[in-house]
Amino acid sequence: MKLTLGFSPCPNDTFIFDALVHHKIDTEGLEFDVVFADIEQLNVWALEGKLDITKLSYNAFKYCVNEYALLDSGSALGNNCGPLLIKKPTTTLTEDSKIAIPGKYTTANMLLSIVFPNHQNKVETLFSEIENEVINGNVDAGLIIHENRFTYEEKGLHKVKDLGEFWEEETGLPIPLGGIVVNRKLSLATQKKIEILIRKSVEYAFENPNSSADYVKCHAQEMEKQVVNAHIALYVNDYCLSLGEQGKKAVEILLEKSGKESTAIFI
């Protein structure tokens, strides 16, 4: 059976999926047709039901929970890894300030709406371009995710608020950023097999951290090795193996805060 699998070219995703897509583990008869895309594009495709298995933002998941089920493995959760609202040091933000966001369906945008509900002047921007948009004065502030956490300061930008830190202080739980979901049209046995295979892929990545180096580097574009390693260290952790009770609770609370009942979200 061949299945479509969507994830981002970011180092954390290529790191954990390398063993799966390159048959470094036994995939038990399953083949995967990989589709790379920015997280917001993956969110949009999930709403359309395009892929069999996909990474998506937890904020997007609430819109397609009837079509997709959340896997226990592969998620991006953690501490001190949430989105940051940044600006130039000299910029004063008001309710009318223009803010670049990495997509309306991202968990980052949901958190921005919770923390700063009056900031509604938002501009959807590819996540990797947000820093430049702020620097060039096209927007007053930017909501950054992924590896931009490691680069904004050296570009002279200032942190306004760590939205992940806000979440952790409010809930005492890790921040749920993205998850891996599977189309409910697939049999339950296939869904379970996929969940186990992704966990095995993560286990392989932990046990053989250098094995994915070429795959990660190939898709990390011009990212420096130091940033790549920091990215993986930040976003790949035990929650990728299994959400566990803490992770599941964090996901359920996030969905509840977004106005979505958290029943029947897992396979």
Protein backbone atom coordinates (compact mmCIF):
# COMPACT_ATOMS: atom_id res chain seq x y z
CA MET A 1 0.00 0.00 0.00
CA LYS A 2 1.32 3.44 -0.96
CA LEU A 3 0.28 6.42 1.16
CA THR A 4 0.82 10.15 0.79
CA LEU A 5 2.78 11.68 3.67
CA GLY A 6 3.13 15.41 4.13
CA PHE A 7 5.60 17.18 6.37
CA SER A 8 7.77 20.28 6.31
CA PRO A 9 11.41 20.46 5.16
CA CYS A 10 12.34 21.74 8.62
CA PRO A 11 15.13 19.77 10.39
CA ASN A 12 12.90 18.35 13.11
CA ASP A 13 10.58 16.74 10.55
CA THR A 14 13.27 15.38 8.24
CA PHE A 15 15.14 14.09 11.30
CA ILE A 16 12.24 12.03 12.61
CA PHE A 17 10.88 10.80 9.26
CA ASP A 18 14.20 9.88 7.64
CA ALA A 19 14.19 6.25 8.81
CA LEU A 20 10.59 5.77 7.74
CA VAL A 21 10.85 7.16 4.22
CA HIS A 22 14.25 5.59 3.51
CA HIS A 23 13.34 2.13 4.82
CA LYS A 24 15.90 2.15 7.59
CA ILE A 25 13.15 0.44 9.56
CA ASP A 26 10.77 -2.29 8.37
CA THR A 27 7.71 -0.44 7.04
CA GLU A 28 5.69 -3.67 6.97
CA GLY A 29 4.51 -3.37 3.39
CA LEU A 30 3.73 0.35 3.45
CA GLU A 31 5.28 2.80 0.99
CA PHE A 32 5.25 6.57 1.48
CA ASP A 33 4.99 9.24 -1.20
CA VAL A 34 6.48 12.28 0.57
CA VAL A 35 5.09 15.76 -0.07
CA PHE A 36 7.09 18.67 1.36
CA ALA A 37 5.33 21.93 2.18
CA ASP A 38 5.34 24.88 4.54
CA ILE A 39 3.25 24.24 7.65
CA GLU A 40 0.43 26.58 6.58
CA GLN A 41 0.19 24.86 3.20
CA LEU A 42 -0.05 21.54 5.03
CA ASN A 43 -2.79 23.04 7.19
CA VAL A 44 -4.79 24.09 4.13
CA TRP A 45 -4.36 20.68 2.51
CA ALA A 46 -5.53 19.01 5.72
CA LEU A 47 -8.72 21.06 5.59
CA GLU A 48 -9.17 19.75 2.04
CA GLY A 49 -8.43 16.15 3.07
CA LYS A 50 -5.69 15.93 0.45
CA LEU A 51 -3.13 13.65 2.15
CA ASP A 52 -3.34 10.27 3.87
CA ILE A 53 -0.94 11.29 6.65
CA THR A 54 0.18 14.83 7.41
CA LYS A 55 1.87 17.16 9.83
CA LEU A 56 -0.39 20.05 10.77
CA SER A 57 -0.79 22.79 13.36
CA TYR A 58 -2.99 21.93 16.31
CA ASN A 59 -5.00 25.04 15.56
CA ALA A 60 -5.80 23.62 12.10
CA PHE A 61 -6.67 20.23 13.55
CA LYS A 62 -9.85 21.59 15.14
CA TYR A 63 -11.24 22.24 11.64
CA CYS A 64 -10.65 18.72 10.32
CA VAL A 65 -11.00 16.48 13.36
CA ASN A 66 -13.86 14.61 11.70
CA GLU A 67 -11.66 13.70 8.73
CA TYR A 68 -8.37 13.05 10.52
CA ALA A 69 -7.34 11.31 13.75
CA LEU A 70 -4.34 12.34 15.82
CA LEU A 71 -1.46 9.90 16.18
CA ASP A 72 0.25 9.41 19.51
CA SER A 73 3.67 9.61 17.84
CA GLY A 74 5.32 12.35 15.79
CA SER A 75 3.98 15.43 17.55
CA ALA A 76 5.91 18.64 18.21
CA LEU A 77 5.39 19.67 21.83
CA GLY A 78 7.76 21.01 24.39
CA ASN A 79 8.91 23.70 26.75
CA ASN A 80 10.56 26.98 25.81
CA CYS A 81 9.82 26.39 22.12
CA GLY A 82 6.73 28.47 21.43
CA PRO A 83 6.26 31.29 18.92
CA LEU A 84 7.77 34.71 19.59
CA LEU A 85 6.32 38.12 18.81
CA ILE A 86 9.19 40.35 17.66
CA LYS A 87 9.71 43.93 16.46
CA LYS A 88 12.38 46.54 15.93
CA PRO A 89 13.62 48.01 19.24
CA THR A 90 12.32 51.48 18.30
CA THR A 91 8.82 50.36 17.25
CA THR A 92 5.88 51.05 19.54
CA LEU A 93 2.99 48.65 19.04
CA THR A 94 -0.65 49.73 19.09
CA GLU A 95 -3.90 47.92 18.32
CA ASP A 96 -3.57 49.10 14.72
CA SER A 97 -0.03 47.78 14.28
CA LYS A 98 0.47 45.46 11.32
CA ILE A 99 1.68 42.01 12.39
CA ALA A 100 3.08 39.33 10.08
CA ILE A 101 1.83 35.85 10.99
CA PRO A 102 2.95 32.47 9.58
CA GLY A 103 -0.64 31.55 8.63
CA LYS A 104 -4.10 31.92 10.10
CA TYR A 105 -4.40 28.20 10.87
CA THR A 106 -1.12 27.99 12.77
CA THR A 107 -1.03 27.41 16.51
CA ALA A 108 1.11 30.55 16.67
CA ASN A 109 -1.77 32.67 15.36
CA MET A 110 -4.18 31.07 17.79
CA LEU A 111 -1.90 31.93 20.71
CA LEU A 112 -1.52 35.49 19.43
CA SER A 113 -5.31 35.82 19.44
CA ILE A 114 -5.42 34.58 23.04
CA VAL A 115 -2.60 36.77 24.36
CA PHE A 116 -3.27 39.88 22.24
CA PRO A 117 -6.95 39.68 21.21
CA ASN A 118 -7.02 43.32 20.06
CA HIS A 119 -4.24 42.87 17.51
CA GLN A 120 -6.30 41.97 14.46
CA ASN A 121 -4.31 43.73 11.73
CA LYS A 122 -2.53 40.59 10.55
CA VAL A 123 -0.68 39.82 7.34
CA GLU A 124 -0.18 36.16 6.36
CA THR A 125 3.48 35.69 5.48
CA LEU A 126 5.72 32.72 4.74
CA PHE A 127 7.37 32.00 8.09
CA SER A 128 10.91 32.31 6.70
CA GLU A 129 10.18 35.83 5.38
CA ILE A 130 8.75 37.33 8.57
CA GLU A 131 12.03 38.64 9.97
CA ASN A 132 12.80 40.44 6.70
CA GLU A 133 9.32 41.94 6.56
CA VAL A 134 9.89 43.44 10.02
CA ILE A 135 13.41 44.64 9.16
CA ASN A 136 12.23 46.24 5.91
CA GLY A 137 9.40 48.04 7.68
CA ASN A 138 6.62 46.33 5.73
CA VAL A 139 5.05 45.29 9.03
CA ASP A 140 5.36 46.61 12.58
CA ALA A 141 5.92 43.22 14.21
CA GLY A 142 6.22 39.56 13.34
CA LEU A 143 5.21 36.26 14.85
CA ILE A 144 8.14 33.90 14.33
CA ILE A 145 8.34 30.12 14.56
CA HIS A 146 10.84 27.35 13.76
CA GLU A 147 14.52 28.25 13.37
CA ASN A 148 13.88 31.99 13.42
CA ARG A 149 13.97 31.73 17.20
CA PHE A 150 17.74 31.40 16.80
CA THR A 151 18.34 34.25 14.36
CA TYR A 152 16.16 37.25 15.21
CA GLU A 153 18.48 38.72 17.86
CA GLU A 154 21.54 38.77 15.62
CA LYS A 155 19.42 40.69 13.12
CA GLY A 156 18.79 43.40 15.69
CA LEU A 157 15.18 42.50 16.47
CA HIS A 158 13.57 42.61 19.90
CA LYS A 159 11.29 40.09 21.61
CA VAL A 160 7.93 41.49 22.69
CA LYS A 161 6.45 38.28 24.09
CA ASP A 162 7.22 34.57 24.20
CA LEU A 163 3.76 33.08 23.59
CA GLY A 164 4.91 29.58 24.51
CA GLU A 165 6.15 30.88 27.83
CA PHE A 166 2.73 32.49 28.39
CA TRP A 167 1.05 29.16 27.68
CA GLU A 168 3.30 27.26 30.07
CA GLU A 169 2.71 29.80 32.86
CA GLU A 170 -1.06 29.64 32.33
CA THR A 171 -1.42 25.85 32.08
CA GLY A 172 1.72 24.29 33.55
CA LEU A 173 1.86 22.13 30.43
CA PRO A 174 4.10 21.88 27.36
CA ILE A 175 3.04 23.92 24.34
CA PRO A 176 1.42 21.78 21.59
CA LEU A 177 2.63 23.14 18.25
CA GLY A 178 2.02 20.49 15.61
CA GLY A 179 0.84 16.93 15.36
CA ILE A 180 0.72 14.06 12.90
CA VAL A 181 -2.74 13.01 11.76
CA VAL A 182 -4.02 10.15 9.65
CA ASN A 183 -7.07 10.12 7.38
CA ARG A 184 -9.96 8.31 9.03
CA LYS A 185 -10.83 6.71 5.68
CA LEU A 186 -7.94 4.31 6.23
CA SER A 187 -8.69 1.16 8.21
CA LEU A 188 -8.08 1.30 11.94
CA ALA A 189 -5.45 -1.42 11.57
CA THR A 190 -3.57 0.73 9.03
CA GLN A 191 -3.85 3.79 11.23
CA LYS A 192 -2.39 1.87 14.17
CA LYS A 193 0.42 0.50 11.99
CA ILE A 194 1.34 4.01 10.84
CA GLU A 195 1.41 5.23 14.45
CA ILE A 196 3.79 2.42 15.43
CA LEU A 197 6.02 2.95 12.38
CA ILE A 198 6.41 6.65 13.09
CA ARG A 199 7.36 5.85 16.67
CA LYS A 200 9.95 3.36 15.41
CA SER A 201 11.30 6.01 13.02
CA VAL A 202 11.72 8.43 15.92
CA GLU A 203 13.39 5.73 18.01
CA TYR A 204 15.80 5.03 15.17
CA ALA A 205 16.58 8.75 14.87
CA PHE A 206 17.37 8.96 18.59
CA GLU A 207 19.58 5.86 18.44
CA ASN A 208 21.33 6.93 15.22
CA PRO A 209 21.37 10.75 15.32
CA ASN A 210 23.87 11.13 12.47
CA SER A 211 22.05 8.78 10.11
CA SER A 212 19.69 11.49 8.84
CA ALA A 213 22.37 14.17 8.43
CA ASP A 214 22.37 14.21 4.62
CA TYR A 215 18.56 14.19 4.40
CA VAL A 216 18.28 17.00 6.93
CA LYS A 217 20.99 19.08 5.28
CA CYS A 218 19.46 18.61 1.82
CA HIS A 219 16.19 20.20 2.91
CA ALA A 220 17.49 22.73 5.43
CA GLN A 221 18.37 25.13 2.60
CA GLU A 222 21.07 27.57 3.74
CA MET A 223 20.63 26.96 7.44
CA GLU A 224 23.90 26.84 9.37
CA LYS A 225 24.76 23.53 11.01
CA GLN A 226 24.64 25.10 14.47
CA VAL A 227 21.08 26.34 13.84
CA VAL A 228 20.06 22.96 12.42
CA ASN A 229 21.30 21.15 15.51
CA ALA A 230 19.65 23.66 17.84
CA HIS A 231 16.40 23.30 15.90
CA ILE A 232 16.39 19.52 16.26
CA ALA A 233 17.37 19.69 19.94
CA LEU A 234 14.50 22.09 20.65
CA TYR A 235 11.67 20.40 18.78
CA VAL A 236 12.54 16.69 18.93
CA ASN A 237 11.98 15.15 22.35
CA ASP A 238 10.10 12.37 24.13
CA TYR A 239 6.76 13.84 23.06
CA CYS A 240 7.69 12.82 19.50
CA LEU A 241 7.72 9.21 20.68
CA SER A 242 4.45 9.49 22.57
CA LEU A 243 2.25 12.33 23.72
CA GLY A 244 1.79 10.65 27.08
CA GLU A 245 -0.72 11.92 29.60
CA GLN A 246 0.84 15.39 29.82
CA GLY A 247 0.92 15.80 26.06
CA LYS A 248 -2.63 14.61 25.55
CA LYS A 249 -3.86 16.92 28.29
CA ALA A 250 -2.04 19.86 26.67
CA VAL A 251 -3.62 19.10 23.28
CA GLU A 252 -7.09 18.76 24.79
CA ILE A 253 -6.80 22.07 26.67
CA LEU A 254 -5.52 23.85 23.55
CA LEU A 255 -8.48 22.60 21.54
CA GLU A 256 -10.90 23.53 24.32
CA LYS A 257 -9.48 27.07 24.45
CA SER A 258 -10.03 27.29 20.70
CA GLY A 259 -13.68 26.34 21.16
CA LYS A 260 -13.43 22.73 19.96
CA GLU A 261 -14.60 19.75 21.99
CA SER A 262 -11.71 17.35 22.51
CA THR A 263 -13.69 14.11 22.20
CA ALA A 264 -12.62 11.42 19.72
CA ILE A 265 -9.51 13.19 18.48
CA PHE A 266 -7.19 10.19 18.81
CA ILE A 267 -7.27 6.93 16.85
